[in-house]
Amino acid sequence: MSLIRWAVSFLVFLPALCTAQIYLIESGTIRLRSDAPLELIEATNTQFNGAIDLGKQTFLMQVVNIGFKGFNSPLQQEHFHENYLETSFFPKSTFQGKLIEPVDLTKTGVQTIRAKGKLNIHGVAQERIIKANLIVKGNTLVLESQFTVLLEEHNISIPKIVKQKIAEEIYIDVQARLLPKS
């Protein structure tokens, strides 16, 4: 009889066990920074979402490109959206792939992981390995990552007239809070 009880309990709790491995971004911020010889440009975006499936070691992150705000001027923001990211043609940027290292949810604190996948910006997908810290705090995960993006790799060209004002390599800082899928 105990085997039957165990089997019934297992089947009842199986969906909860499976979804506990999927974490969704509850809130997040992506900051970009262009540090060129004549100008520093910074922008922030909170229109960021995604999921990590720890059971399958997969992830998908996406940002709504039009959500970048905080430029030095409204004109600079307009040029960013219309001339460089071309947000009307490329409304989202994504990073999708697999986690290289497993995450141990029983271990509280910082775990350094690497994510391997396709980083798609401006309609151009590039294979990347991006290092991140994943902080386990109870049932919450905090993701922190810093990396760079070369504009040339994503077919984003800079006109000669503003070459000294826009860096060819953009610094990206990602902060996200993830909660288990309910």
Protein backbone atom coordinates (compact mmCIF):
# COMPACT_ATOMS: atom_id res chain seq x y z
CA MET A 1 0.00 0.00 0.00
CA SER A 2 2.86 2.45 0.70
CA LEU A 3 4.10 2.07 -2.89
CA ILE A 4 0.69 3.18 -4.17
CA ARG A 5 0.69 6.20 -1.82
CA TRP A 6 4.19 7.11 -2.98
CA ALA A 7 3.16 6.84 -6.65
CA VAL A 8 0.05 8.97 -6.13
CA SER A 9 2.06 11.58 -4.19
CA PHE A 10 4.71 11.60 -6.92
CA LEU A 11 2.11 12.15 -9.65
CA VAL A 12 0.37 14.89 -7.65
CA PHE A 13 3.59 16.82 -6.95
CA LEU A 14 5.30 16.16 -10.32
CA PRO A 15 3.93 19.34 -11.99
CA ALA A 16 5.19 21.45 -9.08
CA LEU A 17 8.61 19.84 -9.28
CA CYS A 18 8.82 20.50 -13.03
CA THR A 19 7.76 24.15 -12.90
CA ALA A 20 10.09 24.84 -9.97
CA GLN A 21 12.93 24.50 -12.48
CA ILE A 22 11.57 27.32 -14.67
CA TYR A 23 12.33 30.87 -13.56
CA LEU A 24 10.83 33.97 -15.18
CA ILE A 25 12.27 37.48 -15.14
CA GLU A 26 10.09 39.42 -12.72
CA SER A 27 12.04 42.66 -13.19
CA GLY A 28 15.20 43.63 -14.95
CA THR A 29 17.32 46.43 -16.30
CA ILE A 30 19.73 46.59 -19.20
CA ARG A 31 22.15 49.49 -19.34
CA LEU A 32 24.24 50.37 -22.35
CA ARG A 33 27.26 52.62 -22.44
CA SER A 34 29.13 54.06 -25.40
CA ASP A 35 32.38 55.65 -24.25
CA ALA A 36 33.75 57.38 -27.36
CA PRO A 37 36.56 59.99 -27.46
CA LEU A 38 34.16 62.96 -27.72
CA GLU A 39 31.03 61.72 -25.99
CA LEU A 40 29.73 59.37 -23.31
CA ILE A 41 26.29 57.94 -24.11
CA GLU A 42 24.28 55.97 -21.55
CA ALA A 43 20.79 54.51 -21.75
CA THR A 44 18.66 52.18 -19.65
CA ASN A 45 15.87 49.76 -20.54
CA THR A 46 13.46 48.01 -18.17
CA GLN A 47 11.37 46.43 -20.95
CA PHE A 48 13.25 43.19 -20.47
CA ASN A 49 11.88 39.69 -19.98
CA GLY A 50 12.84 36.08 -20.29
CA ALA A 51 13.05 32.66 -18.72
CA ILE A 52 15.59 30.11 -17.58
CA ASP A 53 14.71 26.42 -17.51
CA LEU A 54 17.22 24.94 -15.08
CA GLY A 55 16.02 21.39 -15.77
CA LYS A 56 16.82 21.66 -19.48
CA GLN A 57 19.67 24.19 -18.97
CA THR A 58 18.08 26.53 -21.54
CA PHE A 59 17.26 30.23 -21.52
CA LEU A 60 15.68 33.00 -23.55
CA MET A 61 16.09 36.72 -22.80
CA GLN A 62 14.63 39.56 -24.83
CA VAL A 63 14.57 43.34 -24.66
CA VAL A 64 12.18 45.73 -26.42
CA ASN A 65 14.59 48.02 -28.26
CA ILE A 66 12.36 51.10 -28.22
CA GLY A 67 12.51 50.95 -24.40
CA PHE A 68 16.04 52.42 -24.20
CA LYS A 69 15.79 55.81 -22.48
CA GLY A 70 18.12 58.32 -20.80
CA PHE A 71 20.29 59.58 -23.63
CA ASN A 72 22.06 62.96 -23.53
CA SER A 73 19.28 64.54 -25.60
CA PRO A 74 15.98 63.66 -27.28
CA LEU A 75 17.69 63.97 -30.68
CA GLN A 76 20.36 61.47 -29.65
CA GLN A 77 17.64 59.04 -28.53
CA GLU A 78 15.81 59.52 -31.84
CA HIS A 79 19.00 58.80 -33.84
CA PHE A 80 19.68 55.70 -31.73
CA HIS A 81 16.23 54.28 -32.50
CA GLU A 82 15.92 55.40 -36.13
CA ASN A 83 19.48 55.26 -37.50
CA TYR A 84 21.38 52.68 -35.46
CA LEU A 85 19.08 50.05 -33.92
CA GLU A 86 16.35 50.77 -36.48
CA THR A 87 13.73 49.73 -33.94
CA SER A 88 10.85 49.89 -36.42
CA PHE A 89 12.51 47.04 -38.36
CA PHE A 90 14.12 45.28 -35.38
CA PRO A 91 11.78 45.76 -32.40
CA LYS A 92 13.54 43.26 -30.12
CA SER A 93 17.01 41.98 -29.32
CA THR A 94 17.33 38.45 -27.96
CA PHE A 95 19.81 36.05 -26.40
CA GLN A 96 18.82 32.38 -26.49
CA GLY A 97 20.70 29.19 -25.82
CA LYS A 98 22.02 26.82 -23.16
CA LEU A 99 23.68 27.19 -19.79
CA ILE A 100 27.13 25.59 -19.79
CA GLU A 101 27.34 25.08 -16.02
CA PRO A 102 24.47 23.66 -13.96
CA VAL A 103 22.90 25.84 -11.26
CA ASP A 104 22.64 24.38 -7.75
CA LEU A 105 19.49 25.77 -6.14
CA THR A 106 20.43 24.21 -2.79
CA LYS A 107 23.50 26.46 -2.59
CA THR A 108 22.74 30.01 -1.42
CA GLY A 109 24.99 32.74 -2.81
CA VAL A 110 26.84 33.57 -6.00
CA GLN A 111 27.40 31.00 -8.73
CA THR A 112 29.38 31.96 -11.83
CA ILE A 113 27.90 30.50 -14.98
CA ARG A 114 28.38 30.82 -18.71
CA ALA A 115 25.57 31.04 -21.23
CA LYS A 116 26.19 29.94 -24.81
CA GLY A 117 23.77 30.99 -27.48
CA LYS A 118 22.75 33.34 -30.25
CA LEU A 119 22.81 37.05 -29.44
CA ASN A 120 20.50 38.67 -31.98
CA ILE A 121 20.79 42.45 -32.31
CA HIS A 122 19.73 44.50 -35.35
CA GLY A 123 18.58 41.30 -37.08
CA VAL A 124 22.05 39.72 -36.93
CA ALA A 125 22.59 36.67 -34.72
CA GLN A 126 26.09 36.02 -33.39
CA GLU A 127 27.15 32.94 -31.41
CA ARG A 128 28.37 34.14 -28.00
CA ILE A 129 29.44 32.80 -24.66
CA ILE A 130 28.52 35.31 -21.96
CA LYS A 131 29.63 34.99 -18.37
CA ALA A 132 27.20 35.86 -15.58
CA ASN A 133 26.74 35.67 -11.84
CA LEU A 134 23.59 33.96 -10.66
CA ILE A 135 22.78 34.68 -7.03
CA VAL A 136 20.51 32.20 -5.28
CA LYS A 137 18.44 33.83 -2.49
CA GLY A 138 15.72 31.46 -1.31
CA ASN A 139 13.33 30.99 -4.22
CA THR A 140 14.66 34.09 -6.01
CA LEU A 141 17.50 34.22 -8.53
CA VAL A 142 19.38 37.43 -9.30
CA LEU A 143 21.24 37.54 -12.61
CA GLU A 144 24.14 39.96 -13.12
CA SER A 145 26.24 40.17 -16.27
CA GLN A 146 28.52 42.61 -18.03
CA PHE A 147 29.73 42.14 -21.58
CA THR A 148 30.50 44.11 -24.74
CA VAL A 149 28.90 44.22 -28.16
CA LEU A 150 30.81 45.18 -31.29
CA LEU A 151 28.51 47.21 -33.53
CA GLU A 152 30.23 45.93 -36.66
CA GLU A 153 29.29 42.32 -35.77
CA HIS A 154 25.61 43.28 -35.92
CA ASN A 155 25.78 45.39 -39.09
CA ILE A 156 25.35 48.66 -37.22
CA SER A 157 27.36 51.27 -39.07
CA ILE A 158 28.47 54.63 -37.72
CA PRO A 159 28.68 57.55 -40.17
CA LYS A 160 32.13 59.18 -40.34
CA ILE A 161 30.73 62.49 -39.13
CA VAL A 162 29.90 61.00 -35.70
CA LYS A 163 32.71 58.39 -35.48
CA GLN A 164 34.31 60.24 -32.54
CA LYS A 165 30.98 60.41 -30.67
CA ILE A 166 29.86 56.76 -30.84
CA ALA A 167 32.06 53.89 -29.67
CA GLU A 168 32.46 50.84 -31.88
CA GLU A 169 32.24 48.63 -28.78
CA ILE A 170 29.22 49.09 -26.49
CA TYR A 171 29.29 48.02 -22.83
CA ILE A 172 26.20 46.19 -21.61
CA ASP A 173 25.22 45.69 -17.96
CA VAL A 174 22.34 43.31 -17.19
CA GLN A 175 20.57 43.00 -13.84
CA ALA A 176 17.49 40.77 -13.47
CA ARG A 177 15.39 39.27 -10.71
CA LEU A 178 13.85 35.88 -11.50
CA LEU A 179 11.10 34.03 -9.68
CA PRO A 180 9.89 30.43 -10.09
CA LYS A 181 7.09 29.97 -12.59
CA SER A 182 3.88 29.44 -10.64
